[in-house]
Amino acid sequence: DFDRVDITNLNRQQYFIRHIGLYKTEALKQELEE
């Protein structure tokens, strides 16, 4: 993915407020490694 996490993503995507502004690849990799 090339996109960053945005506030409008939080209604349906597996991200949190702390991820806003991060690239989705980076944020999701962090979560999966948890």
All heavy atoms as atom14 arrays in JSON, in Angstrom:
{
  "sequence": "DFDRVDITNLNRQQYFIRHIGLYKTEALKQELEE",
  "atom14_mask": [
    [1, 1, 1, 1, 1, 1, 1, 1, 0, 0, 0, 0, 0, 0],
    [1, 1, 1, 1, 1, 1, 1, 1, 1, 1, 1, 0, 0, 0],
    [1, 1, 1, 1, 1, 1, 1, 1, 0, 0, 0, 0, 0, 0],
    [1, 1, 1, 1, 1, 1, 1, 1, 1, 1, 1, 0, 0, 0],
    [1, 1, 1, 1, 1, 1, 1, 0, 0, 0, 0, 0, 0, 0],
    [1, 1, 1, 1, 1, 1, 1, 1, 0, 0, 0, 0, 0, 0],
    [1, 1, 1, 1, 1, 1, 1, 1, 0, 0, 0, 0, 0, 0],
    [1, 1, 1, 1, 1, 1, 1, 0, 0, 0, 0, 0, 0, 0],
    [1, 1, 1, 1, 1, 1, 1, 1, 0, 0, 0, 0, 0, 0],
    [1, 1, 1, 1, 1, 1, 1, 1, 0, 0, 0, 0, 0, 0],
    [1, 1, 1, 1, 1, 1, 1, 1, 0, 0, 0, 0, 0, 0],
    [1, 1, 1, 1, 1, 1, 1, 1, 1, 1, 1, 0, 0, 0],
    [1, 1, 1, 1, 1, 1, 1, 1, 1, 0, 0, 0, 0, 0],
    [1, 1, 1, 1, 1, 1, 1, 1, 1, 0, 0, 0, 0, 0],
    [1, 1, 1, 1, 1, 1, 1, 1, 1, 1, 1, 1, 0, 0],
    [1, 1, 1, 1, 1, 1, 1, 1, 1, 1, 1, 0, 0, 0],
    [1, 1, 1, 1, 1, 1, 1, 1, 0, 0, 0, 0, 0, 0],
    [1, 1, 1, 1, 1, 1, 1, 1, 1, 1, 1, 0, 0, 0],
    [1, 1, 1, 1, 1, 1, 1, 1, 1, 1, 0, 0, 0, 0],
    [1, 1, 1, 1, 1, 1, 1, 1, 0, 0, 0, 0, 0, 0],
    [1, 1, 1, 1, 0, 0, 0, 0, 0, 0, 0, 0, 0, 0],
    [1, 1, 1, 1, 1, 1, 1, 1, 0, 0, 0, 0, 0, 0],
    [1, 1, 1, 1, 1, 1, 1, 1, 1, 1, 1, 1, 0, 0],
    [1, 1, 1, 1, 1, 1, 1, 1, 1, 0, 0, 0, 0, 0],
    [1, 1, 1, 1, 1, 1, 1, 0, 0, 0, 0, 0, 0, 0],
    [1, 1, 1, 1, 1, 1, 1, 1, 1, 0, 0, 0, 0, 0],
    [1, 1, 1, 1, 1, 0, 0, 0, 0, 0, 0, 0, 0, 0],
    [1, 1, 1, 1, 1, 1, 1, 1, 0, 0, 0, 0, 0, 0],
    [1, 1, 1, 1, 1, 1, 1, 1, 1, 0, 0, 0, 0, 0],
    [1, 1, 1, 1, 1, 1, 1, 1, 1, 0, 0, 0, 0, 0],
    [1, 1, 1, 1, 1, 1, 1, 1, 1, 0, 0, 0, 0, 0],
    [1, 1, 1, 1, 1, 1, 1, 1, 0, 0, 0, 0, 0, 0],
    [1, 1, 1, 1, 1, 1, 1, 1, 1, 0, 0, 0, 0, 0],
    [1, 1, 1, 1, 1, 1, 1, 1, 1, 0, 0, 0, 0, 0]
  ],
  "atom14_positions": [
    [[0.86, -1.18, 0.0], [0.0, 0.0, 0.0], [0.9, 1.23, 0.0], [2.01, 1.18, 0.53], [-0.92, 0.02, 1.23], [-2.14, 0.9, 1.05], [-1.98, 2.08, 0.64], [-3.27, 0.43, 1.31], [0.0, 0.0, 0.0], [0.0, 0.0, 0.0], [0.0, 0.0, 0.0], [0.0, 0.0, 0.0], [0.0, 0.0, 0.0], [0.0, 0.0, 0.0]],
    [[0.41, 2.34, -0.56], [1.21, 3.57, -0.6], [0.64, 4.64, 0.31], [1.25, 5.7, 0.49], [1.26, 4.12, -2.04], [-0.09, 4.6, -2.53], [-0.45, 5.94, -2.42], [-0.99, 3.71, -3.09], [-1.69, 6.37, -2.86], [-2.23, 4.15, -3.54], [-2.58, 5.48, -3.42], [0.0, 0.0, 0.0], [0.0, 0.0, 0.0], [0.0, 0.0, 0.0]],
    [[-0.52, 4.37, 0.93], [-1.28, 5.39, 1.65], [-0.86, 5.47, 3.11], [-0.24, 4.56, 3.66], [-2.76, 5.05, 1.56], [-3.66, 6.26, 1.77], [-3.13, 7.38, 1.87], [-4.89, 6.07, 1.84], [0.0, 0.0, 0.0], [0.0, 0.0, 0.0], [0.0, 0.0, 0.0], [0.0, 0.0, 0.0], [0.0, 0.0, 0.0], [0.0, 0.0, 0.0]],
    [[-1.24, 6.6, 3.74], [-1.05, 6.79, 5.18], [-2.39, 6.64, 5.91], [-3.46, 6.83, 5.32], [-0.48, 8.18, 5.47], [0.93, 8.42, 4.93], [1.39, 9.83, 5.26], [2.69, 10.15, 4.68], [3.85, 10.03, 5.32], [3.85, 9.6, 6.58], [4.99, 10.33, 4.73], [0.0, 0.0, 0.0], [0.0, 0.0, 0.0], [0.0, 0.0, 0.0]],
    [[-2.32, 6.3, 7.18], [-3.52, 6.18, 8.0], [-4.12, 7.57, 8.22], [-3.43, 8.52, 8.58], [-3.21, 5.54, 9.36], [-4.47, 5.45, 10.22], [-2.59, 4.15, 9.17], [0.0, 0.0, 0.0], [0.0, 0.0, 0.0], [0.0, 0.0, 0.0], [0.0, 0.0, 0.0], [0.0, 0.0, 0.0], [0.0, 0.0, 0.0], [0.0, 0.0, 0.0]],
    [[-5.43, 7.67, 8.0], [-6.16, 8.93, 8.12], [-7.3, 8.75, 9.12], [-7.78, 7.63, 9.33], [-6.71, 9.32, 6.74], [-7.47, 10.63, 6.77], [-6.83, 11.69, 6.7], [-8.71, 10.59, 6.89], [0.0, 0.0, 0.0], [0.0, 0.0, 0.0], [0.0, 0.0, 0.0], [0.0, 0.0, 0.0], [0.0, 0.0, 0.0], [0.0, 0.0, 0.0]],
    [[-7.76, 9.84, 9.71], [-8.84, 9.75, 10.7], [-10.09, 9.1, 10.12], [-10.82, 8.39, 10.82], [-9.16, 11.14, 11.3], [-10.11, 10.99, 12.5], [-9.72, 12.08, 10.24], [-10.33, 12.29, 13.25], [0.0, 0.0, 0.0], [0.0, 0.0, 0.0], [0.0, 0.0, 0.0], [0.0, 0.0, 0.0], [0.0, 0.0, 0.0], [0.0, 0.0, 0.0]],
    [[-10.35, 9.29, 8.83], [-11.54, 8.71, 8.22], [-11.42, 7.21, 8.02], [-12.41, 6.55, 7.68], [-11.84, 9.37, 6.86], [-10.74, 9.14, 5.97], [-12.07, 10.87, 7.01], [0.0, 0.0, 0.0], [0.0, 0.0, 0.0], [0.0, 0.0, 0.0], [0.0, 0.0, 0.0], [0.0, 0.0, 0.0], [0.0, 0.0, 0.0], [0.0, 0.0, 0.0]],
    [[-10.24, 6.66, 8.22], [-10.04, 5.21, 8.1], [-10.51, 4.46, 9.35], [-10.75, 3.25, 9.3], [-8.57, 4.87, 7.89], [-7.96, 5.49, 6.66], [-6.77, 5.77, 6.63], [-8.75, 5.74, 5.61], [0.0, 0.0, 0.0], [0.0, 0.0, 0.0], [0.0, 0.0, 0.0], [0.0, 0.0, 0.0], [0.0, 0.0, 0.0], [0.0, 0.0, 0.0]],
    [[-10.63, 5.16, 10.46], [-10.82, 4.49, 11.74], [-12.2, 3.86, 11.89], [-12.42, 3.07, 12.82], [-10.57, 5.47, 12.9], [-9.18, 6.12, 12.94], [-9.04, 6.98, 14.18], [-8.07, 5.07, 12.89], [0.0, 0.0, 0.0], [0.0, 0.0, 0.0], [0.0, 0.0, 0.0], [0.0, 0.0, 0.0], [0.0, 0.0, 0.0], [0.0, 0.0, 0.0]],
    [[-13.15, 4.2, 10.99], [-14.49, 3.62, 11.13], [-14.57, 2.18, 10.65], [-15.58, 1.51, 10.85], [-15.52, 4.48, 10.36], [-15.57, 4.15, 8.88], [-14.53, 3.95, 8.24], [-16.77, 4.09, 8.33], [0.0, 0.0, 0.0], [0.0, 0.0, 0.0], [0.0, 0.0, 0.0], [0.0, 0.0, 0.0], [0.0, 0.0, 0.0], [0.0, 0.0, 0.0]],
    [[-13.5, 1.67, 9.99], [-13.6, 0.33, 9.43], [-12.27, -0.4, 9.31], [-12.24, -1.6, 9.0], [-14.26, 0.37, 8.05], [-13.42, 1.04, 6.99], [-14.17, 1.42, 5.74], [-13.31, 1.97, 4.7], [-12.83, 3.22, 4.71], [-13.13, 4.04, 5.71], [-12.06, 3.65, 3.73], [0.0, 0.0, 0.0], [0.0, 0.0, 0.0], [0.0, 0.0, 0.0]],
    [[-11.16, 0.27, 9.52], [-9.86, -0.33, 9.29], [-9.17, -0.65, 10.61], [-9.46, -0.05, 11.64], [-8.99, 0.61, 8.43], [-9.64, 0.93, 7.09], [-8.82, 1.85, 6.22], [-7.62, 2.04, 6.45], [-9.44, 2.42, 5.2], [0.0, 0.0, 0.0], [0.0, 0.0, 0.0], [0.0, 0.0, 0.0], [0.0, 0.0, 0.0], [0.0, 0.0, 0.0]],
    [[-8.23, -1.59, 10.58], [-7.59, -2.08, 11.81], [-6.44, -1.16, 12.24], [-5.29, -1.59, 12.38], [-7.1, -3.51, 11.59], [-8.2, -4.53, 11.51], [-8.82, -4.83, 12.87], [-8.43, -4.26, 13.89], [-9.79, -5.72, 12.91], [0.0, 0.0, 0.0], [0.0, 0.0, 0.0], [0.0, 0.0, 0.0], [0.0, 0.0, 0.0], [0.0, 0.0, 0.0]],
    [[-6.78, 0.1, 12.49], [-5.79, 1.06, 12.96], [-6.36, 1.83, 14.13], [-7.57, 1.79, 14.4], [-5.39, 2.03, 11.83], [-4.84, 1.33, 10.61], [-5.59, 1.25, 9.43], [-3.59, 0.74, 10.64], [-5.1, 0.58, 8.32], [-3.09, 0.07, 9.53], [-3.85, 0.0, 8.37], [-3.37, -0.67, 7.28], [0.0, 0.0, 0.0], [0.0, 0.0, 0.0]],
    [[-5.47, 2.56, 14.83], [-5.86, 3.32, 16.0], [-5.38, 4.77, 15.84], [-4.6, 5.09, 14.93], [-5.27, 2.7, 17.26], [-5.76, 1.29, 17.51], [-5.08, 0.19, 16.99], [-6.91, 1.06, 18.24], [-5.53, -1.1, 17.2], [-7.38, -0.23, 18.47], [-6.69, -1.31, 17.94], [0.0, 0.0, 0.0], [0.0, 0.0, 0.0], [0.0, 0.0, 0.0]],
    [[-5.86, 5.63, 16.73], [-5.51, 7.05, 16.65], [-3.99, 7.23, 16.62], [-3.48, 8.09, 15.91], [-6.14, 7.82, 17.83], [-7.67, 7.91, 17.63], [-5.55, 9.23, 17.94], [-8.41, 8.53, 18.81], [0.0, 0.0, 0.0], [0.0, 0.0, 0.0], [0.0, 0.0, 0.0], [0.0, 0.0, 0.0], [0.0, 0.0, 0.0], [0.0, 0.0, 0.0]],
    [[-3.27, 6.39, 17.35], [-1.81, 6.54, 17.4], [-1.15, 6.29, 16.04], [0.01, 6.66, 15.84], [-1.23, 5.58, 18.45], [-1.29, 4.11, 18.08], [-0.63, 3.25, 19.15], [-0.58, 1.84, 18.82], [-1.53, 0.96, 19.11], [-2.61, 1.36, 19.76], [-1.4, -0.32, 18.76], [0.0, 0.0, 0.0], [0.0, 0.0, 0.0], [0.0, 0.0, 0.0]],
    [[-1.88, 5.67, 15.12], [-1.3, 5.37, 13.81], [-1.52, 6.46, 12.78], [-0.94, 6.39, 11.69], [-1.91, 4.06, 13.26], [-1.58, 2.86, 14.07], [-2.54, 1.99, 14.54], [-0.4, 2.38, 14.52], [-1.96, 1.02, 15.23], [-0.66, 1.23, 15.23], [0.0, 0.0, 0.0], [0.0, 0.0, 0.0], [0.0, 0.0, 0.0], [0.0, 0.0, 0.0]],
    [[-2.36, 7.46, 13.09], [-2.66, 8.5, 12.11], [-1.37, 9.17, 11.64], [-0.53, 9.58, 12.45], [-3.64, 9.53, 12.69], [-5.02, 8.89, 12.88], [-3.77, 10.76, 11.77], [-6.03, 9.79, 13.57], [0.0, 0.0, 0.0], [0.0, 0.0, 0.0], [0.0, 0.0, 0.0], [0.0, 0.0, 0.0], [0.0, 0.0, 0.0], [0.0, 0.0, 0.0]],
    [[-1.22, 9.25, 10.33], [-0.02, 9.85, 9.74], [1.03, 8.84, 9.35], [1.9, 9.15, 8.52], [0.0, 0.0, 0.0], [0.0, 0.0, 0.0], [0.0, 0.0, 0.0], [0.0, 0.0, 0.0], [0.0, 0.0, 0.0], [0.0, 0.0, 0.0], [0.0, 0.0, 0.0], [0.0, 0.0, 0.0], [0.0, 0.0, 0.0], [0.0, 0.0, 0.0]],
    [[0.98, 7.64, 9.92], [1.95, 6.6, 9.54], [1.54, 5.96, 8.22], [0.35, 5.89, 7.88], [2.01, 5.5, 10.61], [2.57, 5.85, 11.98], [2.52, 4.63, 12.89], [3.98, 6.39, 11.88], [0.0, 0.0, 0.0], [0.0, 0.0, 0.0], [0.0, 0.0, 0.0], [0.0, 0.0, 0.0], [0.0, 0.0, 0.0], [0.0, 0.0, 0.0]],
    [[2.51, 5.49, 7.47], [2.18, 4.67, 6.31], [1.48, 3.4, 6.8], [1.84, 2.83, 7.83], [3.44, 4.31, 5.53], [3.98, 5.44, 4.69], [5.18, 6.08, 5.02], [3.27, 5.89, 3.57], [5.66, 7.12, 4.23], [3.75, 6.94, 2.8], [4.94, 7.55, 3.13], [5.41, 8.59, 2.36], [0.0, 0.0, 0.0], [0.0, 0.0, 0.0]],
    [[0.48, 2.96, 6.04], [-0.27, 1.78, 6.45], [0.61, 0.54, 6.5], [0.39, -0.33, 7.35], [-1.46, 1.58, 5.5], [-2.54, 2.63, 5.66], [-3.72, 2.4, 4.74], [-4.78, 3.48, 4.97], [-5.94, 3.31, 4.07], [0.0, 0.0, 0.0], [0.0, 0.0, 0.0], [0.0, 0.0, 0.0], [0.0, 0.0, 0.0], [0.0, 0.0, 0.0]],
    [[1.57, 0.45, 5.62], [2.49, -0.69, 5.66], [3.21, -0.76, 7.0], [3.35, -1.82, 7.61], [3.51, -0.61, 4.52], [4.06, 0.71, 4.48], [2.88, -0.95, 3.19], [0.0, 0.0, 0.0], [0.0, 0.0, 0.0], [0.0, 0.0, 0.0], [0.0, 0.0, 0.0], [0.0, 0.0, 0.0], [0.0, 0.0, 0.0], [0.0, 0.0, 0.0]],
    [[3.67, 0.4, 7.48], [4.41, 0.46, 8.74], [3.49, 0.16, 9.92], [3.83, -0.63, 10.82], [5.04, 1.85, 8.9], [5.78, 2.05, 10.21], [6.3, 3.48, 10.36], [6.16, 4.28, 9.41], [6.82, 3.8, 11.45], [0.0, 0.0, 0.0], [0.0, 0.0, 0.0], [0.0, 0.0, 0.0], [0.0, 0.0, 0.0], [0.0, 0.0, 0.0]],
    [[2.32, 0.81, 9.95], [1.39, 0.64, 11.07], [0.9, -0.79, 11.17], [0.86, -1.38, 12.27], [0.21, 1.6, 10.91], [0.0, 0.0, 0.0], [0.0, 0.0, 0.0], [0.0, 0.0, 0.0], [0.0, 0.0, 0.0], [0.0, 0.0, 0.0], [0.0, 0.0, 0.0], [0.0, 0.0, 0.0], [0.0, 0.0, 0.0], [0.0, 0.0, 0.0]],
    [[0.53, -1.38, 10.04], [-0.02, -2.74, 10.07], [1.06, -3.75, 10.43], [0.79, -4.7, 11.19], [-0.64, -3.08, 8.72], [-1.46, -4.36, 8.67], [-2.59, -4.34, 9.69], [-2.03, -4.58, 7.27], [0.0, 0.0, 0.0], [0.0, 0.0, 0.0], [0.0, 0.0, 0.0], [0.0, 0.0, 0.0], [0.0, 0.0, 0.0], [0.0, 0.0, 0.0]],
    [[2.26, -3.57, 9.93], [3.35, -4.48, 10.3], [3.57, -4.46, 11.81], [3.76, -5.52, 12.44], [4.63, -4.1, 9.57], [5.81, -5.06, 9.78], [6.98, -4.68, 8.88], [8.1, -5.72, 8.92], [8.86, -5.67, 10.17], [0.0, 0.0, 0.0], [0.0, 0.0, 0.0], [0.0, 0.0, 0.0], [0.0, 0.0, 0.0], [0.0, 0.0, 0.0]],
    [[3.55, -3.28, 12.42], [3.7, -3.17, 13.86], [2.61, -3.96, 14.59], [2.89, -4.69, 15.55], [3.65, -1.71, 14.29], [4.85, -0.87, 13.89], [4.68, 0.59, 14.29], [3.71, 0.96, 14.94], [5.64, 1.41, 13.89], [0.0, 0.0, 0.0], [0.0, 0.0, 0.0], [0.0, 0.0, 0.0], [0.0, 0.0, 0.0], [0.0, 0.0, 0.0]],
    [[1.39, -3.81, 14.14], [0.27, -4.5, 14.79], [0.37, -6.01, 14.65], [0.14, -6.75, 15.61], [-1.05, -4.0, 14.22], [-1.38, -2.57, 14.56], [-2.78, -2.22, 14.1], [-2.96, -1.91, 12.92], [-3.69, -2.27, 14.96], [0.0, 0.0, 0.0], [0.0, 0.0, 0.0], [0.0, 0.0, 0.0], [0.0, 0.0, 0.0], [0.0, 0.0, 0.0]],
    [[0.71, -6.47, 13.46], [0.79, -7.92, 13.24], [1.92, -8.54, 14.05], [1.8, -9.68, 14.52], [0.98, -8.22, 11.76], [-0.13, -7.74, 10.81], [0.14, -8.2, 9.39], [-1.49, -8.19, 11.28], [0.0, 0.0, 0.0], [0.0, 0.0, 0.0], [0.0, 0.0, 0.0], [0.0, 0.0, 0.0], [0.0, 0.0, 0.0], [0.0, 0.0, 0.0]],
    [[2.99, -7.79, 14.24], [4.1, -8.3, 15.05], [3.75, -8.36, 16.53], [4.38, -9.09, 17.29], [5.35, -7.45, 14.82], [5.97, -7.69, 13.45], [7.15, -6.8, 13.15], [7.28, -5.74, 13.82], [7.93, -7.14, 12.24], [0.0, 0.0, 0.0], [0.0, 0.0, 0.0], [0.0, 0.0, 0.0], [0.0, 0.0, 0.0], [0.0, 0.0, 0.0]],
    [[2.72, -7.62, 16.95], [2.22, -7.75, 18.32], [1.41, -9.02, 18.49], [1.26, -9.54, 19.6], [1.38, -6.53, 18.69], [2.18, -5.25, 18.84], [1.31, -4.06, 19.24], [0.27, -4.29, 19.87], [1.68, -2.93, 18.92], [0.0, 0.0, 0.0], [0.0, 0.0, 0.0], [0.0, 0.0, 0.0], [0.0, 0.0, 0.0], [0.0, 0.0, 0.0]]
  ]
}
